[in-house]
Amino acid sequence: MANYPASKPGSQRHTLSVLVENRPGVLARISGLFARRAFNINSLSVSPTERRDISRLTVTADVDDVPLEQIIKQLNKLLHVLKIVDLNAETTVERELVLIKVAADESSRSDVLEIVRLFRVRVVDVNPDSLTIEATGAEGKIDALLGLLEHYGVIELVRSGAVAMSRGPHALSEKVIGSTISER
């Protein structure tokens, strides 16, 4: 099963939202910082934001609170890092995307399609011996879906990792000083 690794005793899962200048090499410096501190990143997603000059990294990792504070301080010192927020699970919308290729021949196809219907996910490719399913949702939903499909034989799997943002009307980029990066 392709679940995220279990948390280390005493550590908890944290989701960091990191705004960075949209420049080459920033991702390598950030992931390198985690590696140097011997912390495993559970998932990492990077994409542009509503501002062309800013990208957002969503990083999930199992980290104790004290080392997390040290990582955040060190991230803040990195060139091109603009803002870091440790997102609170109660005030955050978090989702991930998964594509699952599952074995589904004539004898099992209707059972797999029933699971697809129950989870309100989509079939995006059909072949005589398999179905490819697209699902989005919280990590628990994805894990539950995978748990049921495992019985039929998961042939291939790819997960996007978490993307997350705070609930409410404000954007994290509003907290970045200045209207453009070049003004900093």
N, C-alpha and C. Protein backbone atom coordinates (compact mmCIF):
# COMPACT_ATOMS: atom_id res chain seq x y z
N MET A 1 0.84 -1.19 0.00
CA MET A 1 0.00 0.00 0.00
C MET A 1 0.88 1.24 0.00
N ALA A 2 0.45 2.25 -0.68
CA ALA A 2 1.27 3.44 -0.86
C ALA A 2 0.86 4.56 0.09
N ASN A 3 0.67 4.26 1.35
CA ASN A 3 0.30 5.29 2.32
C ASN A 3 1.51 6.12 2.69
N TYR A 4 1.23 7.31 3.23
CA TYR A 4 2.32 8.10 3.77
C TYR A 4 2.90 7.37 4.95
N PRO A 5 4.18 7.59 5.23
CA PRO A 5 4.77 6.92 6.38
C PRO A 5 4.11 7.39 7.67
N ALA A 6 4.06 6.50 8.64
CA ALA A 6 3.49 6.86 9.94
C ALA A 6 4.38 7.89 10.61
N SER A 7 3.77 8.73 11.43
CA SER A 7 4.53 9.72 12.16
C SER A 7 5.49 9.06 13.13
N LYS A 8 6.63 9.71 13.33
CA LYS A 8 7.56 9.24 14.35
C LYS A 8 6.91 9.50 15.70
N PRO A 9 7.20 8.67 16.71
CA PRO A 9 6.64 8.93 18.04
C PRO A 9 7.02 10.34 18.49
N GLY A 10 6.05 11.09 18.96
CA GLY A 10 6.28 12.44 19.44
C GLY A 10 6.21 13.51 18.37
N SER A 11 6.25 13.13 17.11
CA SER A 11 6.17 14.13 16.06
C SER A 11 4.74 14.19 15.53
N GLN A 12 4.43 15.26 14.85
CA GLN A 12 3.10 15.40 14.27
C GLN A 12 3.22 15.95 12.86
N ARG A 13 2.18 15.72 12.09
CA ARG A 13 2.19 16.16 10.71
C ARG A 13 1.94 17.66 10.65
N HIS A 14 2.79 18.33 9.91
CA HIS A 14 2.65 19.77 9.69
C HIS A 14 2.54 20.02 8.20
N THR A 15 1.71 20.99 7.85
CA THR A 15 1.59 21.44 6.47
C THR A 15 2.07 22.88 6.42
N LEU A 16 3.14 23.09 5.67
CA LEU A 16 3.69 24.44 5.51
C LEU A 16 3.29 24.99 4.16
N SER A 17 2.84 26.23 4.15
CA SER A 17 2.60 26.95 2.91
C SER A 17 3.71 27.98 2.80
N VAL A 18 4.49 27.89 1.73
CA VAL A 18 5.67 28.74 1.57
C VAL A 18 5.53 29.52 0.27
N LEU A 19 5.50 30.84 0.40
CA LEU A 19 5.49 31.71 -0.79
C LEU A 19 6.92 32.08 -1.13
N VAL A 20 7.25 31.92 -2.39
CA VAL A 20 8.61 32.20 -2.85
C VAL A 20 8.55 33.01 -4.14
N GLU A 21 9.65 33.71 -4.42
CA GLU A 21 9.77 34.35 -5.72
C GLU A 21 9.85 33.26 -6.77
N ASN A 22 9.20 33.47 -7.88
CA ASN A 22 9.15 32.47 -8.94
C ASN A 22 10.47 32.52 -9.72
N ARG A 23 11.50 31.84 -9.16
CA ARG A 23 12.84 31.86 -9.75
C ARG A 23 13.44 30.46 -9.73
N PRO A 24 14.34 30.17 -10.66
CA PRO A 24 15.01 28.86 -10.67
C PRO A 24 15.84 28.64 -9.41
N GLY A 25 15.87 27.40 -8.93
CA GLY A 25 16.73 27.03 -7.82
C GLY A 25 16.12 27.15 -6.45
N VAL A 26 14.99 27.83 -6.32
CA VAL A 26 14.38 28.03 -5.00
C VAL A 26 13.94 26.69 -4.41
N LEU A 27 13.29 25.86 -5.20
CA LEU A 27 12.84 24.56 -4.73
C LEU A 27 14.01 23.72 -4.23
N ALA A 28 15.10 23.71 -4.95
CA ALA A 28 16.28 22.92 -4.55
C ALA A 28 16.82 23.40 -3.20
N ARG A 29 16.86 24.70 -2.98
CA ARG A 29 17.36 25.22 -1.70
C ARG A 29 16.44 24.83 -0.55
N ILE A 30 15.13 24.88 -0.79
CA ILE A 30 14.19 24.55 0.28
C ILE A 30 14.22 23.06 0.60
N SER A 31 14.16 22.21 -0.41
CA SER A 31 14.20 20.77 -0.14
C SER A 31 15.55 20.37 0.44
N GLY A 32 16.62 21.04 0.03
CA GLY A 32 17.95 20.78 0.58
C GLY A 32 18.02 21.10 2.06
N LEU A 33 17.33 22.15 2.48
CA LEU A 33 17.31 22.51 3.89
C LEU A 33 16.68 21.39 4.72
N PHE A 34 15.56 20.84 4.24
CA PHE A 34 14.93 19.71 4.93
C PHE A 34 15.88 18.51 4.98
N ALA A 35 16.54 18.24 3.87
CA ALA A 35 17.44 17.09 3.81
C ALA A 35 18.62 17.27 4.77
N ARG A 36 19.20 18.46 4.83
CA ARG A 36 20.32 18.71 5.74
C ARG A 36 19.92 18.54 7.19
N ARG A 37 18.66 18.81 7.50
CA ARG A 37 18.17 18.67 8.88
C ARG A 37 17.65 17.26 9.14
N ALA A 38 17.76 16.37 8.13
CA ALA A 38 17.36 14.95 8.22
C ALA A 38 15.86 14.78 8.46
N PHE A 39 15.07 15.63 7.82
CA PHE A 39 13.61 15.49 7.88
C PHE A 39 13.10 15.04 6.53
N ASN A 40 12.26 14.03 6.56
CA ASN A 40 11.67 13.51 5.33
C ASN A 40 10.43 14.34 4.97
N ILE A 41 10.36 14.78 3.75
CA ILE A 41 9.18 15.47 3.26
C ILE A 41 8.18 14.41 2.81
N ASN A 42 6.97 14.41 3.37
CA ASN A 42 5.95 13.45 2.97
C ASN A 42 5.38 13.79 1.61
N SER A 43 5.10 15.07 1.38
CA SER A 43 4.64 15.50 0.07
C SER A 43 5.08 16.93 -0.18
N LEU A 44 5.24 17.23 -1.46
CA LEU A 44 5.69 18.55 -1.87
C LEU A 44 4.99 18.89 -3.17
N SER A 45 4.32 20.03 -3.17
CA SER A 45 3.63 20.49 -4.36
C SER A 45 4.03 21.94 -4.60
N VAL A 46 4.35 22.25 -5.85
CA VAL A 46 4.79 23.60 -6.21
C VAL A 46 3.99 24.07 -7.41
N SER A 47 3.51 25.31 -7.35
CA SER A 47 2.79 25.85 -8.50
C SER A 47 2.77 27.38 -8.43
N PRO A 48 2.49 28.02 -9.56
CA PRO A 48 2.32 29.47 -9.55
C PRO A 48 1.08 29.86 -8.73
N THR A 49 1.04 31.10 -8.33
CA THR A 49 -0.10 31.62 -7.58
C THR A 49 -0.88 32.60 -8.45
N GLU A 50 -1.76 33.34 -7.81
CA GLU A 50 -2.53 34.37 -8.51
C GLU A 50 -1.63 35.52 -8.97
N ARG A 51 -0.41 35.57 -8.45
CA ARG A 51 0.58 36.56 -8.88
C ARG A 51 1.67 35.86 -9.66
N ARG A 52 1.97 36.32 -10.86
CA ARG A 52 2.97 35.67 -11.73
C ARG A 52 4.35 35.59 -11.11
N ASP A 53 4.67 36.55 -10.25
CA ASP A 53 6.02 36.60 -9.68
C ASP A 53 6.19 35.75 -8.42
N ILE A 54 5.11 35.08 -7.98
CA ILE A 54 5.15 34.28 -6.75
C ILE A 54 4.69 32.86 -7.03
N SER A 55 5.41 31.89 -6.45
CA SER A 55 4.98 30.50 -6.46
C SER A 55 4.70 30.07 -5.02
N ARG A 56 3.87 29.03 -4.90
CA ARG A 56 3.53 28.50 -3.58
C ARG A 56 4.02 27.06 -3.49
N LEU A 57 4.72 26.76 -2.43
CA LEU A 57 5.10 25.39 -2.11
C LEU A 57 4.23 24.94 -0.96
N THR A 58 3.64 23.77 -1.09
CA THR A 58 2.94 23.15 0.02
C THR A 58 3.76 21.94 0.41
N VAL A 59 4.27 21.96 1.64
CA VAL A 59 5.15 20.91 2.14
C VAL A 59 4.49 20.25 3.33
N THR A 60 4.37 18.91 3.29
CA THR A 60 3.91 18.19 4.48
C THR A 60 5.07 17.35 4.99
N ALA A 61 5.24 17.37 6.32
CA ALA A 61 6.32 16.61 6.96
C ALA A 61 5.92 16.29 8.39
N ASP A 62 6.44 15.17 8.88
CA ASP A 62 6.26 14.81 10.28
C ASP A 62 7.46 15.35 11.05
N VAL A 63 7.19 16.37 11.88
CA VAL A 63 8.25 17.09 12.57
C VAL A 63 7.78 17.46 13.96
N ASP A 64 8.68 17.40 14.93
CA ASP A 64 8.38 17.93 16.26
C ASP A 64 8.29 19.45 16.18
N ASP A 65 7.60 20.06 17.14
CA ASP A 65 7.39 21.51 17.11
C ASP A 65 8.69 22.31 17.17
N VAL A 66 9.63 21.91 18.04
CA VAL A 66 10.87 22.68 18.20
C VAL A 66 11.72 22.65 16.93
N PRO A 67 12.00 21.46 16.35
CA PRO A 67 12.75 21.48 15.08
C PRO A 67 12.01 22.23 13.97
N LEU A 68 10.67 22.18 13.99
CA LEU A 68 9.91 22.90 12.98
C LEU A 68 10.17 24.40 13.07
N GLU A 69 10.21 24.92 14.28
CA GLU A 69 10.51 26.34 14.47
C GLU A 69 11.87 26.69 13.88
N GLN A 70 12.85 25.80 14.09
CA GLN A 70 14.20 26.02 13.55
C GLN A 70 14.18 26.00 12.03
N ILE A 71 13.44 25.06 11.45
CA ILE A 71 13.34 24.97 9.98
C ILE A 71 12.70 26.24 9.43
N ILE A 72 11.63 26.70 10.06
CA ILE A 72 10.95 27.92 9.60
C ILE A 72 11.90 29.12 9.67
N LYS A 73 12.66 29.23 10.75
CA LYS A 73 13.62 30.34 10.87
C LYS A 73 14.67 30.26 9.77
N GLN A 74 15.16 29.05 9.49
CA GLN A 74 16.16 28.90 8.44
C GLN A 74 15.57 29.15 7.05
N LEU A 75 14.32 28.72 6.83
CA LEU A 75 13.67 29.00 5.55
C LEU A 75 13.50 30.50 5.34
N ASN A 76 13.15 31.21 6.41
CA ASN A 76 12.98 32.66 6.31
C ASN A 76 14.27 33.37 5.92
N LYS A 77 15.41 32.76 6.20
CA LYS A 77 16.70 33.36 5.85
C LYS A 77 17.09 33.12 4.40
N LEU A 78 16.43 32.18 3.73
CA LEU A 78 16.78 31.85 2.36
C LEU A 78 16.37 32.98 1.41
N LEU A 79 17.24 33.22 0.45
CA LEU A 79 16.96 34.20 -0.59
C LEU A 79 15.72 33.76 -1.37
N HIS A 80 14.85 34.65 -1.68
CA HIS A 80 13.65 34.46 -2.48
C HIS A 80 12.48 33.83 -1.72
N VAL A 81 12.63 33.54 -0.42
CA VAL A 81 11.51 33.06 0.38
C VAL A 81 10.80 34.29 0.94
N LEU A 82 9.48 34.38 0.69
CA LEU A 82 8.73 35.58 1.05
C LEU A 82 7.89 35.42 2.32
N LYS A 83 7.26 34.26 2.48
CA LYS A 83 6.35 34.07 3.60
C LYS A 83 6.19 32.58 3.86
N ILE A 84 6.14 32.20 5.15
CA ILE A 84 5.94 30.80 5.54
C ILE A 84 4.85 30.76 6.59
N VAL A 85 3.90 29.85 6.39
CA VAL A 85 2.83 29.67 7.37
C VAL A 85 2.68 28.18 7.65
N ASP A 86 2.67 27.82 8.94
CA ASP A 86 2.35 26.46 9.36
C ASP A 86 0.83 26.43 9.45
N LEU A 87 0.17 25.77 8.50
CA LEU A 87 -1.29 25.81 8.40
C LEU A 87 -1.93 24.98 9.50
N ASN A 88 -2.98 25.53 10.09
CA ASN A 88 -3.74 24.86 11.12
C ASN A 88 -4.81 23.99 10.46
N ALA A 89 -4.87 22.72 10.80
CA ALA A 89 -5.78 21.77 10.16
C ALA A 89 -7.24 22.20 10.26
N GLU A 90 -7.62 22.86 11.35
CA GLU A 90 -9.03 23.25 11.53
C GLU A 90 -9.44 24.43 10.65
N THR A 91 -8.47 25.23 10.22
CA THR A 91 -8.80 26.42 9.42
C THR A 91 -8.24 26.33 8.01
N THR A 92 -8.01 25.11 7.54
CA THR A 92 -7.37 24.90 6.25
C THR A 92 -8.18 23.95 5.38
N VAL A 93 -8.21 24.25 4.10
CA VAL A 93 -8.75 23.33 3.10
C VAL A 93 -7.54 22.64 2.47
N GLU A 94 -7.51 21.31 2.56
CA GLU A 94 -6.38 20.56 2.02
C GLU A 94 -6.90 19.44 1.14
N ARG A 95 -6.34 19.30 -0.04
CA ARG A 95 -6.75 18.26 -0.99
C ARG A 95 -5.53 17.71 -1.70
N GLU A 96 -5.70 16.52 -2.26
CA GLU A 96 -4.70 15.97 -3.16
C GLU A 96 -5.40 15.25 -4.30
N LEU A 97 -4.67 15.06 -5.37
CA LEU A 97 -5.16 14.37 -6.55
C LEU A 97 -4.44 13.04 -6.65
N VAL A 98 -5.17 12.00 -7.06
CA VAL A 98 -4.56 10.69 -7.27
C VAL A 98 -5.12 10.09 -8.56
N LEU A 99 -4.24 9.45 -9.31
CA LEU A 99 -4.65 8.64 -10.45
C LEU A 99 -4.31 7.20 -10.08
N ILE A 100 -5.30 6.31 -10.22
CA ILE A 100 -5.13 4.91 -9.83
C ILE A 100 -5.52 4.03 -11.00
N LYS A 101 -4.59 3.21 -11.45
CA LYS A 101 -4.90 2.20 -12.46
C LYS A 101 -5.14 0.89 -11.71
N VAL A 102 -6.36 0.38 -11.81
CA VAL A 102 -6.74 -0.81 -11.05
C VAL A 102 -7.16 -1.92 -12.01
N ALA A 103 -6.80 -3.14 -11.67
CA ALA A 103 -7.21 -4.28 -12.48
C ALA A 103 -8.72 -4.41 -12.41
N ALA A 104 -9.37 -4.54 -13.58
CA ALA A 104 -10.83 -4.65 -13.62
C ALA A 104 -11.22 -5.39 -14.89
N ASP A 105 -11.31 -6.70 -14.78
CA ASP A 105 -11.75 -7.50 -15.92
C ASP A 105 -13.27 -7.64 -15.85
N GLU A 106 -13.83 -8.47 -16.71
CA GLU A 106 -15.29 -8.63 -16.75
C GLU A 106 -15.87 -9.05 -15.41
N SER A 107 -15.18 -9.87 -14.67
CA SER A 107 -15.72 -10.38 -13.42
C SER A 107 -15.68 -9.36 -12.28
N SER A 108 -14.76 -8.41 -12.33
CA SER A 108 -14.63 -7.46 -11.22
C SER A 108 -15.02 -6.03 -11.57
N ARG A 109 -15.22 -5.73 -12.84
CA ARG A 109 -15.46 -4.35 -13.27
C ARG A 109 -16.66 -3.70 -12.57
N SER A 110 -17.76 -4.41 -12.43
CA SER A 110 -18.94 -3.79 -11.80
C SER A 110 -18.69 -3.48 -10.33
N ASP A 111 -17.91 -4.32 -9.65
CA ASP A 111 -17.58 -4.04 -8.24
C ASP A 111 -16.71 -2.79 -8.12
N VAL A 112 -15.72 -2.66 -9.00
CA VAL A 112 -14.84 -1.49 -8.99
C VAL A 112 -15.65 -0.24 -9.32
N LEU A 113 -16.55 -0.33 -10.28
CA LEU A 113 -17.39 0.83 -10.64
C LEU A 113 -18.32 1.23 -9.50
N GLU A 114 -18.74 0.28 -8.69
CA GLU A 114 -19.57 0.60 -7.52
C GLU A 114 -18.75 1.39 -6.50
N ILE A 115 -17.50 1.03 -6.31
CA ILE A 115 -16.63 1.79 -5.41
C ILE A 115 -16.43 3.20 -5.95
N VAL A 116 -16.22 3.31 -7.26
CA VAL A 116 -16.06 4.63 -7.90
C VAL A 116 -17.30 5.48 -7.63
N ARG A 117 -18.48 4.89 -7.77
CA ARG A 117 -19.73 5.62 -7.53
C ARG A 117 -19.85 6.05 -6.06
N LEU A 118 -19.55 5.14 -5.15
CA LEU A 118 -19.65 5.45 -3.72
C LEU A 118 -18.74 6.60 -3.30
N PHE A 119 -17.55 6.66 -3.88
CA PHE A 119 -16.58 7.69 -3.52
C PHE A 119 -16.74 8.97 -4.36
N ARG A 120 -17.66 8.94 -5.31
CA ARG A 120 -17.91 10.09 -6.18
C ARG A 120 -16.63 10.55 -6.87
N VAL A 121 -15.91 9.58 -7.44
CA VAL A 121 -14.70 9.85 -8.21
C VAL A 121 -14.98 9.51 -9.66
N ARG A 122 -14.00 9.71 -10.54
CA ARG A 122 -14.24 9.54 -11.98
C ARG A 122 -13.34 8.48 -12.58
N VAL A 123 -13.90 7.78 -13.55
CA VAL A 123 -13.11 6.89 -14.39
C VAL A 123 -12.64 7.73 -15.57
N VAL A 124 -11.33 7.77 -15.81
CA VAL A 124 -10.78 8.60 -16.89
C VAL A 124 -10.20 7.77 -18.03
N ASP A 125 -10.10 6.45 -17.83
CA ASP A 125 -9.63 5.58 -18.91
C ASP A 125 -10.16 4.18 -18.66
N VAL A 126 -10.64 3.55 -19.75
CA VAL A 126 -11.18 2.20 -19.67
C VAL A 126 -10.44 1.32 -20.67
N ASN A 127 -9.99 0.18 -20.19
CA ASN A 127 -9.37 -0.85 -21.02
C ASN A 127 -10.00 -2.18 -20.66
N PRO A 128 -9.85 -3.20 -21.51
CA PRO A 128 -10.48 -4.49 -21.21
C PRO A 128 -10.08 -5.09 -19.86
N ASP A 129 -8.86 -4.79 -19.40
CA ASP A 129 -8.40 -5.39 -18.15
C ASP A 129 -8.13 -4.39 -17.02
N SER A 130 -8.44 -3.11 -17.26
CA SER A 130 -8.16 -2.13 -16.21
C SER A 130 -9.04 -0.90 -16.35
N LEU A 131 -9.12 -0.15 -15.26
CA LEU A 131 -9.77 1.17 -15.22
C LEU A 131 -8.76 2.13 -14.60
N THR A 132 -8.72 3.36 -15.09
CA THR A 132 -7.93 4.40 -14.45
C THR A 132 -8.91 5.37 -13.81
N ILE A 133 -8.69 5.60 -12.53
CA ILE A 133 -9.61 6.40 -11.72
C ILE A 133 -8.90 7.67 -11.29
N GLU A 134 -9.62 8.78 -11.34
CA GLU A 134 -9.13 10.07 -10.86
C GLU A 134 -9.92 10.43 -9.61
N ALA A 135 -9.23 10.77 -8.55
CA ALA A 135 -9.91 11.16 -7.31
C ALA A 135 -9.21 12.38 -6.71
N THR A 136 -10.00 13.27 -6.16
CA THR A 136 -9.46 14.38 -5.38
C THR A 136 -10.15 14.37 -4.04
N GLY A 137 -9.42 14.79 -3.03
CA GLY A 137 -10.02 14.85 -1.70
C GLY A 137 -8.96 14.91 -0.63
N ALA A 138 -9.44 14.82 0.59
CA ALA A 138 -8.55 14.81 1.74
C ALA A 138 -7.78 13.49 1.77
N GLU A 139 -6.65 13.49 2.43
CA GLU A 139 -5.78 12.32 2.50
C GLU A 139 -6.54 11.09 3.00
N GLY A 140 -7.41 11.26 3.99
CA GLY A 140 -8.16 10.12 4.53
C GLY A 140 -9.08 9.49 3.50
N LYS A 141 -9.73 10.31 2.68
CA LYS A 141 -10.60 9.78 1.63
C LYS A 141 -9.79 9.00 0.61
N ILE A 142 -8.65 9.56 0.20
CA ILE A 142 -7.80 8.89 -0.78
C ILE A 142 -7.31 7.56 -0.22
N ASP A 143 -6.87 7.56 1.03
CA ASP A 143 -6.40 6.32 1.66
C ASP A 143 -7.50 5.28 1.75
N ALA A 144 -8.73 5.69 2.08
CA ALA A 144 -9.85 4.76 2.17
C ALA A 144 -10.18 4.16 0.79
N LEU A 145 -10.17 5.00 -0.23
CA LEU A 145 -10.42 4.52 -1.60
C LEU A 145 -9.36 3.49 -1.99
N LEU A 146 -8.10 3.81 -1.73
CA LEU A 146 -7.01 2.88 -2.06
C LEU A 146 -7.13 1.57 -1.29
N GLY A 147 -7.57 1.66 -0.06
CA GLY A 147 -7.76 0.46 0.74
C GLY A 147 -8.77 -0.49 0.13
N LEU A 148 -9.85 0.05 -0.41
CA LEU A 148 -10.87 -0.79 -1.05
C LEU A 148 -10.41 -1.32 -2.41
N LEU A 149 -9.69 -0.50 -3.16
CA LEU A 149 -9.26 -0.91 -4.49
C LEU A 149 -8.09 -1.89 -4.46
N GLU A 150 -7.35 -1.90 -3.37
CA GLU A 150 -6.19 -2.78 -3.24
C GLU A 150 -6.57 -4.25 -3.46
N HIS A 151 -7.75 -4.62 -3.03
CA HIS A 151 -8.25 -5.99 -3.17
C HIS A 151 -8.31 -6.42 -4.65
N TYR A 152 -8.57 -5.49 -5.54
CA TYR A 152 -8.71 -5.80 -6.97
C TYR A 152 -7.37 -5.77 -7.70
N GLY A 153 -6.39 -5.15 -7.09
CA GLY A 153 -5.06 -5.08 -7.70
C GLY A 153 -4.76 -3.71 -8.27
N VAL A 154 -4.06 -2.90 -7.51
CA VAL A 154 -3.62 -1.59 -8.00
C VAL A 154 -2.40 -1.82 -8.87
N ILE A 155 -2.53 -1.49 -10.14
CA ILE A 155 -1.47 -1.70 -11.12
C ILE A 155 -0.46 -0.56 -11.08
N GLU A 156 -0.99 0.65 -10.96
CA GLU A 156 -0.14 1.84 -10.97
C GLU A 156 -0.84 2.94 -10.20
N LEU A 157 -0.04 3.80 -9.57
CA LEU A 157 -0.59 4.84 -8.71
C LEU A 157 0.31 6.06 -8.76
N VAL A 158 -0.30 7.24 -8.82
CA VAL A 158 0.45 8.48 -8.68
C VAL A 158 -0.40 9.46 -7.87
N ARG A 159 0.24 10.04 -6.84
CA ARG A 159 -0.43 11.02 -5.97
C ARG A 159 0.28 12.36 -6.12
N SER A 160 -0.52 13.42 -6.13
CA SER A 160 0.05 14.75 -6.32
C SER A 160 0.72 15.29 -5.07
N GLY A 161 0.35 14.80 -3.93
CA GLY A 161 0.75 15.44 -2.69
C GLY A 161 -0.27 16.50 -2.34
N ALA A 162 -0.21 16.97 -1.14
CA ALA A 162 -1.21 17.91 -0.64
C ALA A 162 -1.02 19.30 -1.25
N VAL A 163 -2.15 19.95 -1.51
CA VAL A 163 -2.20 21.39 -1.74
C VAL A 163 -3.16 21.93 -0.70
N ALA A 164 -2.86 23.09 -0.15
CA ALA A 164 -3.66 23.58 0.96
C ALA A 164 -3.67 25.10 0.99
N MET A 165 -4.75 25.64 1.53
CA MET A 165 -4.83 27.08 1.77
C MET A 165 -5.78 27.33 2.94
N SER A 166 -5.59 28.46 3.57
CA SER A 166 -6.45 28.84 4.70
C SER A 166 -7.84 29.18 4.21
N ARG A 167 -8.82 28.88 5.04
CA ARG A 167 -10.21 29.25 4.73
C ARG A 167 -10.37 30.76 4.88
N GLY A 168 -11.40 31.30 4.25
CA GLY A 168 -11.70 32.72 4.41
C GLY A 168 -11.34 33.54 3.19
N PRO A 169 -11.60 34.85 3.27
CA PRO A 169 -11.50 35.71 2.09
C PRO A 169 -10.10 36.23 1.76
N HIS A 170 -9.10 35.98 2.63
CA HIS A 170 -7.79 36.60 2.41
C HIS A 170 -6.81 35.64 1.76
N ALA A 171 -5.90 36.21 0.97
CA ALA A 171 -4.85 35.43 0.32
C ALA A 171 -3.55 35.57 1.10
N LEU A 172 -2.79 34.51 1.15
CA LEU A 172 -1.49 34.55 1.82
C LEU A 172 -0.58 35.58 1.16
N SER A 173 -0.70 35.75 -0.15
CA SER A 173 0.15 36.71 -0.87
C SER A 173 -0.14 38.16 -0.46
N GLU A 174 -1.30 38.42 0.16
CA GLU A 174 -1.58 39.77 0.64
C GLU A 174 -0.59 40.19 1.73
N LYS A 175 -0.01 39.19 2.40
CA LYS A 175 0.91 39.46 3.51
C LYS A 175 2.33 39.73 3.04
N VAL A 176 2.55 39.64 1.71
CA VAL A 176 3.87 39.92 1.16
C VAL A 176 3.99 41.42 0.98
N ILE A 177 5.08 41.97 1.47
CA ILE A 177 5.28 43.42 1.42
C ILE A 177 5.42 43.88 -0.02
N GLY A 178 4.76 44.98 -0.35
CA GLY A 178 4.87 45.57 -1.69
C GLY A 178 3.95 44.91 -2.69
N SER A 179 3.61 45.62 -3.74
CA SER A 179 2.70 45.09 -4.73
C SER A 179 3.41 44.19 -5.76
N THR A 180 4.72 44.35 -5.90
CA THR A 180 5.49 43.45 -6.77
C THR A 180 6.80 43.11 -6.09
N ILE A 181 7.37 42.02 -6.48
CA ILE A 181 8.63 41.58 -5.88
C ILE A 181 9.75 42.57 -6.17
N SER A 182 9.76 43.12 -7.36
CA SER A 182 10.86 44.00 -7.74
C SER A 182 10.93 45.26 -6.86
N GLU A 183 9.86 45.59 -6.15
CA GLU A 183 9.85 46.75 -5.28
C GLU A 183 10.52 46.46 -3.93
N ARG A 184 10.78 45.18 -3.65
CA ARG A 184 11.35 44.82 -2.34
C ARG A 184 12.76 45.27 -2.17
